Amino acid sequence: MGTQEPDTIKWDSITADAHKLVYGDRQYVYSHPAIDYGRTVDIFRAVTGIEMTPEEGALFMAAVKLSRIAYGLEQMHPAELVRDSIVDLAGYAEVLWGIMIYEPEDDTEPDDDYDE
């Protein structure tokens, strides 16, 4: 009796693409997500008067992506048109986790010698 190979993944990885976004240049440019979303929710509060934690800010952005994905599915857009929002959604899950486990001593200033 022969063994059967399991099906292998044959598409570009959503999570690998999200990982590149979260851990690539954006972290250098925007700082740690806890700091970035701290600034973001401060601005949101100044504009709207609504209090929000950095975690809620990341969840809000995930909700935006879920809304866009739902609309794309409703409209029967091709998968490739919806993919960007799915990648972003995975990225916001990673950002949320980073905010949740953030300890201020983990934050270091970007290296002046950054060159990419």
PDB file of N, CA and C in Angstrom:
ATOM      1  N   MET A   1       0.849  -1.163   0.000  1.00  0.00           N
ATOM      2  CA  MET A   1       0.000   0.000   0.000  1.00  0.00           C
ATOM      3  C   MET A   1       0.901   1.233   0.000  1.00  0.00           C
ATOM      4  N   GLY A   2       0.732   2.111  -0.989  1.00  0.00           N
ATOM      5  CA  GLY A   2       1.563   3.310  -1.113  1.00  0.00           C
ATOM      6  C   GLY A   2       1.042   4.443  -0.242  1.00  0.00           C
ATOM      7  N   THR A   3       1.947   5.332   0.069  1.00  0.00           N
ATOM      8  CA  THR A   3       1.529   6.508   0.838  1.00  0.00           C
ATOM      9  C   THR A   3       1.164   7.625  -0.127  1.00  0.00           C
ATOM     10  N   GLN A   4       0.240   8.420   0.269  1.00  0.00           N
ATOM     11  CA  GLN A   4      -0.213   9.522  -0.575  1.00  0.00           C
ATOM     12  C   GLN A   4       0.325  10.832  -0.009  1.00  0.00           C
ATOM     13  N   GLU A   5       0.892  11.650  -0.882  1.00  0.00           N
ATOM     14  CA  GLU A   5       1.413  12.958  -0.486  1.00  0.00           C
ATOM     15  C   GLU A   5       0.240  13.883  -0.162  1.00  0.00           C
ATOM     16  N   PRO A   6       0.340  14.600   0.947  1.00  0.00           N
ATOM     17  CA  PRO A   6      -0.729  15.577   1.217  1.00  0.00           C
ATOM     18  C   PRO A   6      -0.639  16.719   0.209  1.00  0.00           C
ATOM     19  N   ASP A   7      -1.765  17.356  -0.024  1.00  0.00           N
ATOM     20  CA  ASP A   7      -1.763  18.521  -0.906  1.00  0.00           C
ATOM     21  C   ASP A   7      -0.844  19.576  -0.314  1.00  0.00           C
ATOM     22  N   THR A   8      -0.116  20.239  -1.172  1.00  0.00           N
ATOM     23  CA  THR A   8       0.749  21.305  -0.702  1.00  0.00           C
ATOM     24  C   THR A   8       0.131  22.643  -1.037  1.00  0.00           C
ATOM     25  N   ILE A   9       0.520  23.649  -0.268  1.00  0.00           N
ATOM     26  CA  ILE A   9       0.015  25.000  -0.516  1.00  0.00           C
ATOM     27  C   ILE A   9       0.603  25.486  -1.821  1.00  0.00           C
ATOM     28  N   LYS A  10      -0.259  26.013  -2.670  1.00  0.00           N
ATOM     29  CA  LYS A  10       0.176  26.420  -3.998  1.00  0.00           C
ATOM     30  C   LYS A  10      -0.143  27.885  -4.274  1.00  0.00           C
ATOM     31  N   TRP A  11      -0.221  28.698  -3.219  1.00  0.00           N
ATOM     32  CA  TRP A  11      -0.491  30.125  -3.405  1.00  0.00           C
ATOM     33  C   TRP A  11       0.510  30.927  -2.590  1.00  0.00           C
ATOM     34  N   ASP A  12       0.623  32.204  -2.928  1.00  0.00           N
ATOM     35  CA  ASP A  12       1.512  33.079  -2.167  1.00  0.00           C
ATOM     36  C   ASP A  12       0.948  33.260  -0.767  1.00  0.00           C
ATOM     37  N   SER A  13       1.819  33.201   0.209  1.00  0.00           N
ATOM     38  CA  SER A  13       1.405  33.247   1.602  1.00  0.00           C
ATOM     39  C   SER A  13       0.942  34.644   2.023  1.00  0.00           C
ATOM     40  N   ILE A  14      -0.275  34.712   2.508  1.00  0.00           N
ATOM     41  CA  ILE A  14      -0.822  35.951   3.066  1.00  0.00           C
ATOM     42  C   ILE A  14      -0.010  36.350   4.301  1.00  0.00           C
ATOM     43  N   THR A  15       0.242  35.387   5.173  1.00  0.00           N
ATOM     44  CA  THR A  15       0.934  35.714   6.427  1.00  0.00           C
ATOM     45  C   THR A  15       2.391  36.103   6.193  1.00  0.00           C
ATOM     46  N   ALA A  16       3.028  35.514   5.197  1.00  0.00           N
ATOM     47  CA  ALA A  16       4.409  35.913   4.886  1.00  0.00           C
ATOM     48  C   ALA A  16       4.437  37.352   4.381  1.00  0.00           C
ATOM     49  N   ASP A  17       3.457  37.712   3.554  1.00  0.00           N
ATOM     50  CA  ASP A  17       3.392  39.088   3.062  1.00  0.00           C
ATOM     51  C   ASP A  17       3.088  40.062   4.195  1.00  0.00           C
ATOM     52  N   ALA A  18       2.206  39.675   5.105  1.00  0.00           N
ATOM     53  CA  ALA A  18       1.890  40.534   6.255  1.00  0.00           C
ATOM     54  C   ALA A  18       3.126  40.701   7.141  1.00  0.00           C
ATOM     55  N   HIS A  19       3.866  39.629   7.329  1.00  0.00           N
ATOM     56  CA  HIS A  19       5.091  39.682   8.136  1.00  0.00           C
ATOM     57  C   HIS A  19       6.072  40.703   7.562  1.00  0.00           C
ATOM     58  N   LYS A  20       6.220  40.707   6.252  1.00  0.00           N
ATOM     59  CA  LYS A  20       7.119  41.677   5.610  1.00  0.00           C
ATOM     60  C   LYS A  20       6.673  43.106   5.875  1.00  0.00           C
ATOM     61  N   LEU A  21       5.374  43.336   5.861  1.00  0.00           N
ATOM     62  CA  LEU A  21       4.856  44.684   6.112  1.00  0.00           C
ATOM     63  C   LEU A  21       5.093  45.112   7.558  1.00  0.00           C
ATOM     64  N   VAL A  22       4.797  44.228   8.495  1.00  0.00           N
ATOM     65  CA  VAL A  22       4.899  44.584   9.914  1.00  0.00           C
ATOM     66  C   VAL A  22       6.350  44.739  10.347  1.00  0.00           C
ATOM     67  N   TYR A  23       7.222  43.854   9.884  1.00  0.00           N
ATOM     68  CA  TYR A  23       8.603  43.849  10.368  1.00  0.00           C
ATOM     69  C   TYR A  23       9.591  44.496   9.400  1.00  0.00           C
ATOM     70  N   GLY A  24       9.107  45.029   8.304  1.00  0.00           N
ATOM     71  CA  GLY A  24       9.985  45.675   7.332  1.00  0.00           C
ATOM     72  C   GLY A  24      10.203  47.135   7.671  1.00  0.00           C
ATOM     73  N   ASP A  25      10.286  47.946   6.655  1.00  0.00           N
ATOM     74  CA  ASP A  25      10.575  49.373   6.817  1.00  0.00           C
ATOM     75  C   ASP A  25       9.566  50.098   7.692  1.00  0.00           C
ATOM     76  N   ARG A  26       8.327  49.635   7.714  1.00  0.00           N
ATOM     77  CA  ARG A  26       7.294  50.355   8.467  1.00  0.00           C
ATOM     78  C   ARG A  26       7.637  50.472   9.943  1.00  0.00           C
ATOM     79  N   GLN A  27       8.177  49.406  10.535  1.00  0.00           N
ATOM     80  CA  GLN A  27       8.506  49.492  11.963  1.00  0.00           C
ATOM     81  C   GLN A  27       9.595  50.529  12.182  1.00  0.00           C
ATOM     82  N   TYR A  28      10.543  50.593  11.291  1.00  0.00           N
ATOM     83  CA  TYR A  28      11.599  51.601  11.408  1.00  0.00           C
ATOM     84  C   TYR A  28      11.012  53.010  11.270  1.00  0.00           C
ATOM     85  N   VAL A  29      10.136  53.191  10.321  1.00  0.00           N
ATOM     86  CA  VAL A  29       9.568  54.510  10.035  1.00  0.00           C
ATOM     87  C   VAL A  29       8.579  54.936  11.120  1.00  0.00           C
ATOM     88  N   TYR A  30       7.712  54.017  11.577  1.00  0.00           N
ATOM     89  CA  TYR A  30       6.627  54.383  12.485  1.00  0.00           C
ATOM     90  C   TYR A  30       6.916  54.082  13.944  1.00  0.00           C
ATOM     91  N   SER A  31       7.935  53.317  14.260  1.00  0.00           N
ATOM     92  CA  SER A  31       8.276  52.885  15.611  1.00  0.00           C
ATOM     93  C   SER A  31       7.463  51.641  15.962  1.00  0.00           C
ATOM     94  N   HIS A  32       7.588  51.203  17.202  1.00  0.00           N
ATOM     95  CA  HIS A  32       6.866  50.021  17.670  1.00  0.00           C
ATOM     96  C   HIS A  32       5.367  50.282  17.561  1.00  0.00           C
ATOM     97  N   PRO A  33       4.574  49.270  17.205  1.00  0.00           N
ATOM     98  CA  PRO A  33       3.132  49.478  17.069  1.00  0.00           C
ATOM     99  C   PRO A  33       2.468  50.082  18.320  1.00  0.00           C
ATOM    100  N   ALA A  34       2.945  49.747  19.502  1.00  0.00           N
ATOM    101  CA  ALA A  34       2.343  50.313  20.718  1.00  0.00           C
ATOM    102  C   ALA A  34       2.529  51.827  20.754  1.00  0.00           C
ATOM    103  N   ILE A  35       3.667  52.295  20.312  1.00  0.00           N
ATOM    104  CA  ILE A  35       3.936  53.733  20.271  1.00  0.00           C
ATOM    105  C   ILE A  35       3.171  54.367  19.115  1.00  0.00           C
ATOM    106  N   ASP A  36       3.219  53.746  17.957  1.00  0.00           N
ATOM    107  CA  ASP A  36       2.514  54.247  16.777  1.00  0.00           C
ATOM    108  C   ASP A  36       1.016  54.367  17.046  1.00  0.00           C
ATOM    109  N   TYR A  37       0.412  53.315  17.592  1.00  0.00           N
ATOM    110  CA  TYR A  37      -1.027  53.348  17.842  1.00  0.00           C
ATOM    111  C   TYR A  37      -1.369  54.217  19.041  1.00  0.00           C
ATOM    112  N   GLY A  38      -0.429  54.424  19.957  1.00  0.00           N
ATOM    113  CA  GLY A  38      -0.641  55.404  21.022  1.00  0.00           C
ATOM    114  C   GLY A  38      -0.823  56.794  20.428  1.00  0.00           C
ATOM    115  N   ARG A  39       0.051  57.141  19.467  1.00  0.00           N
ATOM    116  CA  ARG A  39      -0.083  58.431  18.777  1.00  0.00           C
ATOM    117  C   ARG A  39      -1.387  58.494  17.992  1.00  0.00           C
ATOM    118  N   THR A  40      -1.700  57.416  17.304  1.00  0.00           N
ATOM    119  CA  THR A  40      -2.895  57.375  16.457  1.00  0.00           C
ATOM    120  C   THR A  40      -4.164  57.600  17.272  1.00  0.00           C
ATOM    121  N   VAL A  41      -4.301  56.902  18.399  1.00  0.00           N
ATOM    122  CA  VAL A  41      -5.519  57.059  19.193  1.00  0.00           C
ATOM    123  C   VAL A  41      -5.550  58.416  19.899  1.00  0.00           C
ATOM    124  N   ASP A  42      -4.392  58.995  20.180  1.00  0.00           N
ATOM    125  CA  ASP A  42      -4.371  60.361  20.723  1.00  0.00           C
ATOM    126  C   ASP A  42      -4.955  61.339  19.704  1.00  0.00           C
ATOM    127  N   ILE A  43      -4.568  61.186  18.456  1.00  0.00           N
ATOM    128  CA  ILE A  43      -5.103  62.040  17.393  1.00  0.00           C
ATOM    129  C   ILE A  43      -6.597  61.781  17.217  1.00  0.00           C
ATOM    130  N   PHE A  44      -6.998  60.520  17.221  1.00  0.00           N
ATOM    131  CA  PHE A  44      -8.414  60.168  17.086  1.00  0.00           C
ATOM    132  C   PHE A  44      -9.234  60.814  18.198  1.00  0.00           C
ATOM    133  N   ARG A  45      -8.715  60.755  19.432  1.00  0.00           N
ATOM    134  CA  ARG A  45      -9.408  61.364  20.573  1.00  0.00           C
ATOM    135  C   ARG A  45      -9.512  62.882  20.406  1.00  0.00           C
ATOM    136  N   ALA A  46      -8.430  63.513  19.920  1.00  0.00           N
ATOM    137  CA  ALA A  46      -8.444  64.963  19.717  1.00  0.00           C
ATOM    138  C   ALA A  46      -9.476  65.371  18.665  1.00  0.00           C
ATOM    139  N   VAL A  47      -9.639  64.540  17.654  1.00  0.00           N
ATOM    140  CA  VAL A  47     -10.577  64.854  16.565  1.00  0.00           C
ATOM    141  C   VAL A  47     -12.022  64.536  16.949  1.00  0.00           C
ATOM    142  N   THR A  48     -12.225  63.408  17.638  1.00  0.00           N
ATOM    143  CA  THR A  48     -13.592  62.935  17.881  1.00  0.00           C
ATOM    144  C   THR A  48     -14.065  63.067  19.330  1.00  0.00           C
ATOM    145  N   GLY A  49     -13.132  63.189  20.265  1.00  0.00           N
ATOM    146  CA  GLY A  49     -13.486  63.182  21.678  1.00  0.00           C
ATOM    147  C   GLY A  49     -13.716  61.787  22.220  1.00  0.00           C
ATOM    148  N   ILE A  50     -13.485  60.767  21.400  1.00  0.00           N
ATOM    149  CA  ILE A  50     -13.715  59.371  21.799  1.00  0.00           C
ATOM    150  C   ILE A  50     -12.404  58.758  22.285  1.00  0.00           C
ATOM    151  N   GLU A  51     -12.448  58.191  23.497  1.00  0.00           N
ATOM    152  CA  GLU A  51     -11.280  57.505  24.057  1.00  0.00           C
ATOM    153  C   GLU A  51     -11.134  56.131  23.410  1.00  0.00           C
ATOM    154  N   MET A  52      -9.897  55.760  23.148  1.00  0.00           N
ATOM    155  CA  MET A  52      -9.612  54.460  22.551  1.00  0.00           C
ATOM    156  C   MET A  52      -8.207  54.053  23.000  1.00  0.00           C
ATOM    157  N   THR A  53      -8.022  52.780  23.313  1.00  0.00           N
ATOM    158  CA  THR A  53      -6.693  52.273  23.649  1.00  0.00           C
ATOM    159  C   THR A  53      -5.945  51.934  22.360  1.00  0.00           C
ATOM    160  N   PRO A  54      -4.633  51.802  22.423  1.00  0.00           N
ATOM    161  CA  PRO A  54      -3.902  51.357  21.229  1.00  0.00           C
ATOM    162  C   PRO A  54      -4.420  50.014  20.702  1.00  0.00           C
ATOM    163  N   GLU A  55      -4.779  49.098  21.606  1.00  0.00           N
ATOM    164  CA  GLU A  55      -5.325  47.811  21.176  1.00  0.00           C
ATOM    165  C   GLU A  55      -6.626  48.010  20.399  1.00  0.00           C
ATOM    166  N   GLU A  56      -7.487  48.887  20.906  1.00  0.00           N
ATOM    167  CA  GLU A  56      -8.745  49.168  20.207  1.00  0.00           C
ATOM    168  C   GLU A  56      -8.485  49.851  18.857  1.00  0.00           C
ATOM    169  N   GLY A  57      -7.425  50.660  18.794  1.00  0.00           N
ATOM    170  CA  GLY A  57      -7.059  51.275  17.522  1.00  0.00           C
ATOM    171  C   GLY A  57      -6.702  50.229  16.480  1.00  0.00           C
ATOM    172  N   ALA A  58      -5.923  49.218  16.894  1.00  0.00           N
ATOM    173  CA  ALA A  58      -5.565  48.132  15.970  1.00  0.00           C
ATOM    174  C   ALA A  58      -6.802  47.335  15.581  1.00  0.00           C
ATOM    175  N   LEU A  59      -7.694  47.086  16.536  1.00  0.00           N
ATOM    176  CA  LEU A  59      -8.934  46.374  16.226  1.00  0.00           C
ATOM    177  C   LEU A  59      -9.818  47.184  15.281  1.00  0.00           C
ATOM    178  N   PHE A  60      -9.829  48.495  15.448  1.00  0.00           N
ATOM    179  CA  PHE A  60     -10.596  49.354  14.542  1.00  0.00           C
ATOM    180  C   PHE A  60     -10.071  49.209  13.123  1.00  0.00           C
ATOM    181  N   MET A  61      -8.751  49.226  12.957  1.00  0.00           N
ATOM    182  CA  MET A  61      -8.167  49.070  11.626  1.00  0.00           C
ATOM    183  C   MET A  61      -8.490  47.688  11.051  1.00  0.00           C
ATOM    184  N   ALA A  62      -8.489  46.665  11.906  1.00  0.00           N
ATOM    185  CA  ALA A  62      -8.882  45.329  11.441  1.00  0.00           C
ATOM    186  C   ALA A  62     -10.343  45.343  10.979  1.00  0.00           C
ATOM    187  N   ALA A  63     -11.192  46.086  11.693  1.00  0.00           N
ATOM    188  CA  ALA A  63     -12.602  46.191  11.299  1.00  0.00           C
ATOM    189  C   ALA A  63     -12.738  46.861   9.935  1.00  0.00           C
ATOM    190  N   VAL A  64     -11.915  47.877   9.675  1.00  0.00           N
ATOM    191  CA  VAL A  64     -11.927  48.524   8.354  1.00  0.00           C
ATOM    192  C   VAL A  64     -11.611  47.484   7.278  1.00  0.00           C
ATOM    193  N   LYS A  65     -10.592  46.672   7.527  1.00  0.00           N
ATOM    194  CA  LYS A  65     -10.206  45.659   6.535  1.00  0.00           C
ATOM    195  C   LYS A  65     -11.292  44.608   6.375  1.00  0.00           C
ATOM    196  N   LEU A  66     -11.920  44.184   7.480  1.00  0.00           N
ATOM    197  CA  LEU A  66     -13.024  43.225   7.380  1.00  0.00           C
ATOM    198  C   LEU A  66     -14.172  43.800   6.562  1.00  0.00           C
ATOM    199  N   SER A  67     -14.465  45.069   6.751  1.00  0.00           N
ATOM    200  CA  SER A  67     -15.519  45.718   5.973  1.00  0.00           C
ATOM    201  C   SER A  67     -15.184  45.701   4.483  1.00  0.00           C
ATOM    202  N   ARG A  68     -13.939  45.999   4.155  1.00  0.00           N
ATOM    203  CA  ARG A  68     -13.529  46.008   2.746  1.00  0.00           C
ATOM    204  C   ARG A  68     -13.555  44.610   2.140  1.00  0.00           C
ATOM    205  N   ILE A  69     -13.162  43.625   2.933  1.00  0.00           N
ATOM    206  CA  ILE A  69     -13.203  42.237   2.459  1.00  0.00           C
ATOM    207  C   ILE A  69     -14.659  41.828   2.215  1.00  0.00           C
ATOM    208  N   ALA A  70     -15.534  42.148   3.165  1.00  0.00           N
ATOM    209  CA  ALA A  70     -16.955  41.799   3.024  1.00  0.00           C
ATOM    210  C   ALA A  70     -17.548  42.447   1.779  1.00  0.00           C
ATOM    211  N   TYR A  71     -17.220  43.711   1.550  1.00  0.00           N
ATOM    212  CA  TYR A  71     -17.728  44.398   0.365  1.00  0.00           C
ATOM    213  C   TYR A  71     -17.196  43.730  -0.907  1.00  0.00           C
ATOM    214  N   GLY A  72     -15.920  43.409  -0.911  1.00  0.00           N
ATOM    215  CA  GLY A  72     -15.333  42.736  -2.072  1.00  0.00           C
ATOM    216  C   GLY A  72     -16.003  41.404  -2.364  1.00  0.00           C
ATOM    217  N   LEU A  73     -16.322  40.659  -1.310  1.00  0.00           N
ATOM    218  CA  LEU A  73     -17.018  39.383  -1.493  1.00  0.00           C
ATOM    219  C   LEU A  73     -18.450  39.602  -1.989  1.00  0.00           C
ATOM    220  N   GLU A  74     -19.148  40.592  -1.392  1.00  0.00           N
ATOM    221  CA  GLU A  74     -20.508  40.924  -1.847  1.00  0.00           C
ATOM    222  C   GLU A  74     -20.545  41.260  -3.331  1.00  0.00           C
ATOM    223  N   GLN A  75     -19.540  42.014  -3.762  1.00  0.00           N
ATOM    224  CA  GLN A  75     -19.485  42.475  -5.147  1.00  0.00           C
ATOM    225  C   GLN A  75     -18.868  41.430  -6.081  1.00  0.00           C
ATOM    226  N   MET A  76     -18.476  40.309  -5.512  1.00  0.00           N
ATOM    227  CA  MET A  76     -17.833  39.217  -6.251  1.00  0.00           C
ATOM    228  C   MET A  76     -16.583  39.693  -6.990  1.00  0.00           C
ATOM    229  N   HIS A  77     -15.822  40.547  -6.307  1.00  0.00           N
ATOM    230  CA  HIS A  77     -14.557  40.989  -6.893  1.00  0.00           C
ATOM    231  C   HIS A  77     -13.601  39.804  -6.998  1.00  0.00           C
ATOM    232  N   PRO A  78     -12.733  39.808  -7.977  1.00  0.00           N
ATOM    233  CA  PRO A  78     -11.734  38.741  -8.075  1.00  0.00           C
ATOM    234  C   PRO A  78     -10.876  38.700  -6.809  1.00  0.00           C
ATOM    235  N   ALA A  79     -10.454  37.516  -6.453  1.00  0.00           N
ATOM    236  CA  ALA A  79      -9.680  37.322  -5.227  1.00  0.00           C
ATOM    237  C   ALA A  79      -8.481  38.262  -5.143  1.00  0.00           C
ATOM    238  N   GLU A  80      -7.804  38.478  -6.233  1.00  0.00           N
ATOM    239  CA  GLU A  80      -6.609  39.325  -6.214  1.00  0.00           C
ATOM    240  C   GLU A  80      -6.924  40.767  -5.826  1.00  0.00           C
ATOM    241  N   LEU A  81      -8.157  41.230  -6.094  1.00  0.00           N
ATOM    242  CA  LEU A  81      -8.538  42.585  -5.692  1.00  0.00           C
ATOM    243  C   LEU A  81      -8.783  42.683  -4.187  1.00  0.00           C
ATOM    244  N   VAL A  82      -9.129  41.584  -3.560  1.00  0.00           N
ATOM    245  CA  VAL A  82      -9.434  41.552  -2.134  1.00  0.00           C
ATOM    246  C   VAL A  82      -8.189  41.175  -1.316  1.00  0.00           C
ATOM    247  N   ARG A  83      -7.217  40.579  -1.969  1.00  0.00           N
ATOM    248  CA  ARG A  83      -6.036  40.039  -1.284  1.00  0.00           C
ATOM    249  C   ARG A  83      -5.324  41.069  -0.417  1.00  0.00           C
ATOM    250  N   ASP A  84      -5.167  42.287  -0.908  1.00  0.00           N
ATOM    251  CA  ASP A  84      -4.445  43.318  -0.163  1.00  0.00           C
ATOM    252  C   ASP A  84      -5.080  43.556   1.211  1.00  0.00           C
ATOM    253  N   SER A  85      -6.406  43.604   1.259  1.00  0.00           N
ATOM    254  CA  SER A  85      -7.089  43.792   2.545  1.00  0.00           C
ATOM    255  C   SER A  85      -6.912  42.582   3.453  1.00  0.00           C
ATOM    256  N   ILE A  86      -6.833  41.389   2.870  1.00  0.00           N
ATOM    257  CA  ILE A  86      -6.618  40.179   3.667  1.00  0.00           C
ATOM    258  C   ILE A  86      -5.207  40.190   4.247  1.00  0.00           C
ATOM    259  N   VAL A  87      -4.225  40.603   3.451  1.00  0.00           N
ATOM    260  CA  VAL A  87      -2.846  40.733   3.947  1.00  0.00           C
ATOM    261  C   VAL A  87      -2.813  41.745   5.094  1.00  0.00           C
ATOM    262  N   ASP A  88      -3.453  42.893   4.893  1.00  0.00           N
ATOM    263  CA  ASP A  88      -3.483  43.920   5.936  1.00  0.00           C
ATOM    264  C   ASP A  88      -4.156  43.410   7.203  1.00  0.00           C
ATOM    265  N   LEU A  89      -5.242  42.650   7.064  1.00  0.00           N
ATOM    266  CA  LEU A  89      -5.931  42.086   8.223  1.00  0.00           C
ATOM    267  C   LEU A  89      -4.992  41.197   9.031  1.00  0.00           C
ATOM    268  N   ALA A  90      -4.243  40.350   8.347  1.00  0.00           N
ATOM    269  CA  ALA A  90      -3.262  39.497   9.045  1.00  0.00           C
ATOM    270  C   ALA A  90      -2.205  40.369   9.730  1.00  0.00           C
ATOM    271  N   GLY A  91      -1.799  41.429   9.055  1.00  0.00           N
ATOM    272  CA  GLY A  91      -0.824  42.342   9.651  1.00  0.00           C
ATOM    273  C   GLY A  91      -1.364  43.008  10.904  1.00  0.00           C
ATOM    274  N   TYR A  92      -2.630  43.416  10.888  1.00  0.00           N
ATOM    275  CA  TYR A  92      -3.210  44.045  12.075  1.00  0.00           C
ATOM    276  C   TYR A  92      -3.331  43.064  13.231  1.00  0.00           C
ATOM    277  N   ALA A  93      -3.532  41.790  12.954  1.00  0.00           N
ATOM    278  CA  ALA A  93      -3.523  40.786  14.021  1.00  0.00           C
ATOM    279  C   ALA A  93      -2.134  40.734  14.665  1.00  0.00           C
ATOM    280  N   GLU A  94      -1.095  40.785  13.846  1.00  0.00           N
ATOM    281  CA  GLU A  94       0.282  40.786  14.367  1.00  0.00           C
ATOM    282  C   GLU A  94       0.560  42.068  15.153  1.00  0.00           C
ATOM    283  N   VAL A  95       0.107  43.193  14.628  1.00  0.00           N
ATOM    284  CA  VAL A  95       0.279  44.483  15.311  1.00  0.00           C
ATOM    285  C   VAL A  95      -0.433  44.443  16.663  1.00  0.00           C
ATOM    286  N   LEU A  96      -1.656  43.936  16.695  1.00  0.00           N
ATOM    287  CA  LEU A  96      -2.403  43.830  17.954  1.00  0.00           C
ATOM    288  C   LEU A  96      -1.619  43.016  18.968  1.00  0.00           C
ATOM    289  N   TRP A  97      -1.090  41.894  18.545  1.00  0.00           N
ATOM    290  CA  TRP A  97      -0.306  41.052  19.450  1.00  0.00           C
ATOM    291  C   TRP A  97       0.919  41.822  19.965  1.00  0.00           C
ATOM    292  N   GLY A  98       1.590  42.522  19.077  1.00  0.00           N
ATOM    293  CA  GLY A  98       2.756  43.304  19.491  1.00  0.00           C
ATOM    294  C   GLY A  98       2.413  44.366  20.515  1.00  0.00           C
ATOM    295  N   ILE A  99       1.259  45.004  20.343  1.00  0.00           N
ATOM    296  CA  ILE A  99       0.809  46.015  21.306  1.00  0.00           C
ATOM    297  C   ILE A  99       0.501  45.348  22.644  1.00  0.00           C
ATOM    298  N   MET A 100      -0.164  44.198  22.601  1.00  0.00           N
ATOM    299  CA  MET A 100      -0.567  43.513  23.828  1.00  0.00           C
ATOM    300  C   MET A 100       0.623  43.078  24.684  1.00  0.00           C
ATOM    301  N   ILE A 101       1.716  42.692  24.050  1.00  0.00           N
ATOM    302  CA  ILE A 101       2.855  42.189  24.820  1.00  0.00           C
ATOM    303  C   ILE A 101       3.958  43.232  25.000  1.00  0.00           C
ATOM    304  N   TYR A 102       3.722  44.440  24.551  1.00  0.00           N
ATOM    305  CA  TYR A 102       4.721  45.503  24.600  1.00  0.00           C
ATOM    306  C   TYR A 102       5.123  45.849  26.030  1.00  0.00           C
ATOM    307  N   GLU A 103       6.410  45.962  26.234  1.00  0.00           N
ATOM    308  CA  GLU A 103       6.975  46.467  27.477  1.00  0.00           C
ATOM    309  C   GLU A 103       7.875  47.623  27.094  1.00  0.00           C
ATOM    310  N   PRO A 104       7.653  48.802  27.670  1.00  0.00           N
ATOM    311  CA  PRO A 104       8.383  50.002  27.234  1.00  0.00           C
ATOM    312  C   PRO A 104       9.887  49.841  27.104  1.00  0.00           C
ATOM    313  N   GLU A 105      10.520  49.033  27.943  1.00  0.00           N
ATOM    314  CA  GLU A 105      11.964  48.881  27.825  1.00  0.00           C
ATOM    315  C   GLU A 105      12.365  48.132  26.554  1.00  0.00           C
ATOM    316  N   ASP A 106      11.387  47.517  25.865  1.00  0.00           N
ATOM    317  CA  ASP A 106      11.670  46.844  24.596  1.00  0.00           C
ATOM    318  C   ASP A 106      11.934  47.837  23.470  1.00  0.00           C
ATOM    319  N   ASP A 107      11.469  49.086  23.639  1.00  0.00           N
ATOM    320  CA  ASP A 107      11.560  50.069  22.557  1.00  0.00           C
ATOM    321  C   ASP A 107      12.930  50.714  22.539  1.00  0.00           C
ATOM    322  N   THR A 108      13.555  50.644  21.405  1.00  0.00           N
ATOM    323  CA  THR A 108      14.825  51.339  21.212  1.00  0.00           C
ATOM    324  C   THR A 108      14.672  52.266  20.027  1.00  0.00           C
ATOM    325  N   GLU A 109      15.435  53.332  20.047  1.00  0.00           N
ATOM    326  CA  GLU A 109      15.398  54.265  18.934  1.00  0.00           C
ATOM    327  C   GLU A 109      15.990  53.599  17.697  1.00  0.00           C
ATOM    328  N   PRO A 110      15.510  53.976  16.518  1.00  0.00           N
ATOM    329  CA  PRO A 110      16.063  53.392  15.292  1.00  0.00           C
ATOM    330  C   PRO A 110      17.558  53.677  15.173  1.00  0.00           C
ATOM    331  N   ASP A 111      18.274  52.737  14.632  1.00  0.00           N
ATOM    332  CA  ASP A 111      19.698  52.871  14.418  1.00  0.00           C
ATOM    333  C   ASP A 111      19.968  53.912  13.331  1.00  0.00           C
ATOM    334  N   ASP A 112      20.822  54.884  13.628  1.00  0.00           N
ATOM    335  CA  ASP A 112      21.146  55.931  12.650  1.00  0.00           C
ATOM    336  C   ASP A 112      21.797  55.357  11.410  1.00  0.00           C
ATOM    337  N   ASP A 113      22.363  54.184  11.504  1.00  0.00           N
ATOM    338  CA  ASP A 113      23.071  53.586  10.375  1.00  0.00           C
ATOM    339  C   ASP A 113      22.140  52.728   9.518  1.00  0.00           C
ATOM    340  N   TYR A 114      20.824  52.855   9.711  1.00  0.00           N
ATOM    341  CA  TYR A 114      19.885  52.065   8.927  1.00  0.00           C
ATOM    342  C   TYR A 114      20.072  52.352   7.447  1.00  0.00           C
ATOM    343  N   ASP A 115      20.303  51.315   6.686  1.00  0.00           N
ATOM    344  CA  ASP A 115      20.407  51.493   5.229  1.00  0.00           C
ATOM    345  C   ASP A 115      19.877  50.257   4.540  1.00  0.00           C
ATOM    346  N   GLU A 116      18.818  50.475   3.840  1.00  0.00           N
ATOM    347  CA  GLU A 116      18.214  49.369   3.112  1.00  0.00           C
ATOM    348  C   GLU A 116      17.729  49.847   1.787  1.00  0.00           C
TER     349      GLU A 116
END
